[in-house]
Amino acid sequence: MMGERRSGQGALFYEFSLEAHVPADHLLRRIDQLIDFSEVRAELAPYYSTAGRPSICPELMIRMLVAGYCFGIRSERRLCDEVHLNLAYRWFCRLGLEGAVPDHSTFS
């Protein structure tokens, strides 16, 4: 007798690595090896105010834009959707599985 597939409680802990799921020959891996984004924050620091809410990380924004340019994503709304869904984009943007993707209006 074939029973119903029941969805129970999800696991409390998952062992998942984005690193293992992004192919070694992926374009974003090559870009990540060639471009050093570590100095972005220091270069842009003088343009940010010390008052108010914290901003979105400028390195994240630039990484998202680079991924969008490389893969022909012209819309900021679509770019945010793609980064939310695509594991390689999440890996490149250093978001992990649970990292929040900025709202599309952040770019404008």
Protein backbone atom coordinates (compact mmCIF):
# COMPACT_ATOMS: atom_id res chain seq x y z
CA MET A 1 0.00 0.00 0.00
CA MET A 2 1.33 3.42 -0.95
CA GLY A 3 1.07 5.93 1.84
CA GLU A 4 0.82 9.68 1.65
CA ARG A 5 3.92 11.74 1.78
CA ARG A 6 3.68 13.74 4.94
CA SER A 7 5.80 16.74 5.63
CA GLY A 8 6.92 16.70 9.21
CA GLN A 9 8.93 19.13 11.20
CA GLY A 10 12.03 20.30 9.38
CA ALA A 11 15.46 19.54 10.71
CA LEU A 12 16.81 21.87 13.34
CA PHE A 13 20.35 21.81 12.00
CA TYR A 14 21.56 21.51 8.44
CA GLU A 15 25.03 20.86 7.19
CA PHE A 16 25.21 22.71 3.90
CA SER A 17 28.13 24.47 2.28
CA LEU A 18 27.72 26.97 -0.52
CA GLU A 19 31.40 26.47 -1.27
CA ALA A 20 30.73 22.85 -2.20
CA HIS A 21 27.78 23.71 -4.44
CA VAL A 22 29.44 26.33 -6.64
CA PRO A 23 31.35 24.64 -9.48
CA ALA A 24 35.11 25.20 -9.57
CA ASP A 25 34.94 26.56 -13.13
CA HIS A 26 32.11 29.03 -12.45
CA LEU A 27 32.69 32.55 -13.80
CA LEU A 28 32.11 34.15 -10.40
CA ARG A 29 34.83 32.01 -8.84
CA ARG A 30 37.31 33.32 -11.41
CA ILE A 31 36.20 36.91 -10.83
CA ASP A 32 36.49 36.43 -7.08
CA GLN A 33 40.09 35.28 -7.52
CA LEU A 34 41.00 38.24 -9.74
CA ILE A 35 39.31 41.17 -8.01
CA ASP A 36 40.07 42.13 -4.43
CA PHE A 37 37.03 43.77 -2.85
CA SER A 38 38.60 44.10 0.62
CA GLU A 39 39.46 47.79 0.25
CA VAL A 40 36.04 48.92 -0.93
CA ARG A 41 34.81 49.84 2.55
CA ALA A 42 37.94 51.88 3.34
CA GLU A 43 37.79 53.74 0.01
CA LEU A 44 34.11 54.64 0.39
CA ALA A 45 34.13 55.44 4.13
CA PRO A 46 34.55 59.24 3.67
CA TYR A 47 31.29 59.37 1.69
CA TYR A 48 29.14 57.88 4.46
CA SER A 49 27.63 59.87 7.30
CA THR A 50 28.33 58.97 10.90
CA ALA A 51 24.73 59.74 11.87
CA GLY A 52 21.62 57.76 11.05
CA ARG A 53 20.94 54.11 10.38
CA PRO A 54 23.74 51.81 9.24
CA SER A 55 23.93 51.44 5.49
CA ILE A 56 23.96 48.33 3.35
CA CYS A 57 27.52 47.03 3.02
CA PRO A 58 29.09 48.74 -0.02
CA GLU A 59 31.05 45.59 -0.85
CA LEU A 60 27.79 43.62 -1.05
CA MET A 61 26.28 46.21 -3.37
CA ILE A 62 29.30 46.17 -5.69
CA ARG A 63 29.44 42.36 -5.71
CA MET A 64 25.75 42.24 -6.64
CA LEU A 65 26.26 44.72 -9.46
CA VAL A 66 29.27 42.80 -10.81
CA ALA A 67 27.22 39.59 -10.85
CA GLY A 68 24.40 41.43 -12.60
CA TYR A 69 26.70 42.87 -15.26
CA CYS A 70 28.39 39.52 -15.89
CA PHE A 71 25.11 37.69 -16.39
CA GLY A 72 23.17 40.41 -18.20
CA ILE A 73 20.70 41.22 -15.43
CA ARG A 74 19.55 44.73 -16.22
CA SER A 75 16.83 45.21 -13.64
CA GLU A 76 17.67 45.85 -9.99
CA ARG A 77 14.47 44.08 -8.97
CA ARG A 78 15.43 41.01 -10.99
CA LEU A 79 19.00 41.18 -9.70
CA CYS A 80 17.77 41.02 -6.09
CA ASP A 81 15.49 38.09 -6.98
CA GLU A 82 18.35 36.24 -8.69
CA VAL A 83 20.76 36.80 -5.80
CA HIS A 84 18.06 35.56 -3.45
CA LEU A 85 17.58 32.34 -5.46
CA ASN A 86 20.94 31.49 -7.05
CA LEU A 87 23.50 29.75 -4.83
CA ALA A 88 26.47 30.93 -6.88
CA TYR A 89 25.36 34.55 -6.60
CA ARG A 90 24.85 34.14 -2.84
CA TRP A 91 28.32 32.65 -2.54
CA PHE A 92 29.88 35.49 -4.53
CA CYS A 93 28.04 38.11 -2.46
CA ARG A 94 29.08 36.41 0.80
CA LEU A 95 25.46 36.12 1.93
CA GLY A 96 25.31 32.49 3.01
CA LEU A 97 21.96 30.73 2.96
CA GLU A 98 20.19 33.01 5.39
CA GLY A 99 21.71 36.37 4.53
CA ALA A 100 19.23 39.09 3.68
CA VAL A 101 19.32 40.46 0.15
CA PRO A 102 18.89 44.25 0.02
CA ASP A 103 15.68 45.65 -1.40
CA HIS A 104 15.83 46.63 -5.06
CA SER A 105 15.16 50.26 -4.15
CA THR A 106 18.54 50.40 -2.36
CA PHE A 107 20.28 50.70 -5.72
CA SER A 108 18.39 53.81 -6.70
